[in-house]
Amino acid sequence: MKNLKPVARFTFVAFFSMLILTACSAGKAKEGYLHNGDVSLFYKEMGAGIPIIILHGGPGFGFRYLESHLRFLSEKFKVIFFDQRGCGRSDGDGSTPVSMEQLVNDIEYLRKTKGYERINLLGHSFGSILALEYARKYPEKCGSLALISSEYLSTVYWPRNADISRLSSDEKSAFNRIVREGAYKIKDPDILSFYFRCLFKTAMYDGSQAERIDLGLDESRIDKMFHVMEELRPFLKESLYSIVFEKELQAPVLIVQGEKDIFSPDSAMHLHDRLPNSIFIIYNEAGHFPFIEKEYDFKQDIIRFFTMYAK
């Protein structure tokens, strides 16, 4: 029996080491580019298991502002962040054409290239529209959807006006000056970051949390961001925008909305009513960024949903 003790000890140490190496491997991020035609799409993936693709908002922001807040999903799933066409570190300039159809096709290209039979999508803000568009076009490839602060547009549910009364007097003065001069004309990353920080403050229950949103703006990203916004303006200006499913969407859907979001919770409820396989969660004391404002509850709800329904 004495001879078994070292073996048992070695087996235990080896097994424990394997667990550590597996955990470290799951948490290590891999990044690179996928080349869809003449456009290179930057992505970063981490974790292992069922794939969840993160779709950022804006349009035009890039995924940087989401990464630190959503990477917790990689503890249980394979998480893929990617900068949409013309955004962030993906290819794009003032002449790169961008359309909803191309953005949807880029997601499908990513799915095929990675060899996934199905994908699960988490979209924030504009990203939730993109997720629904993908589900409409490729319902059989969509495992589940999480729609966070959905920009569901219609003539009834326009965004509320920004409440600048929540800004300090100095912030109001500087913000109004930027608005008068035209934010689209600004090329200075610091000034434009201040402008968006003010906007985010008005879209959150606790405006001080806006400091935790990092768009990572530089001059190249600014040009690309405004170009994408302009390219998608015709789509976003369709006030009767409404996704029409040729057949009932079978994929489970989680809709998460903050009570104080600039997009009325009524719009999210209307979307919930139109999607029979959906779950609707509304957070009190939260606005457009519930993954920051209700961090603990958000993590629990998202993990629970994907654990139950992702495939």
Foldseek 3Di string as FASTA:
>chain_A
DVVCVVVVVVVVVVVVVVVVVLQVQQADKDWDWDCDDPKTKIKIKGAADFEEEEFEDQVALACPQPCVLPSVCSSPHIYMYINFTLHDPIDHFLPDFDELVRRLVVVVVVCVVVVHQAYEYEYAAVGLVSVVVNCQVCLRRYQAYEYALYPQFAPVWDFADQDLVQPDPVLVVLLVVCVVVDVLPDQQPVSNLSNVLSSVLSQWLHSVLSVSGDSPDHNRSSRSSVSNCVSHVVVVPPRHDDDDHPDARPHAYEYEAECSGSGHVVSVVVVCVRHVRYDYYYHYRTGRCCCRRVVVVVVVVVVVVCVPTRD
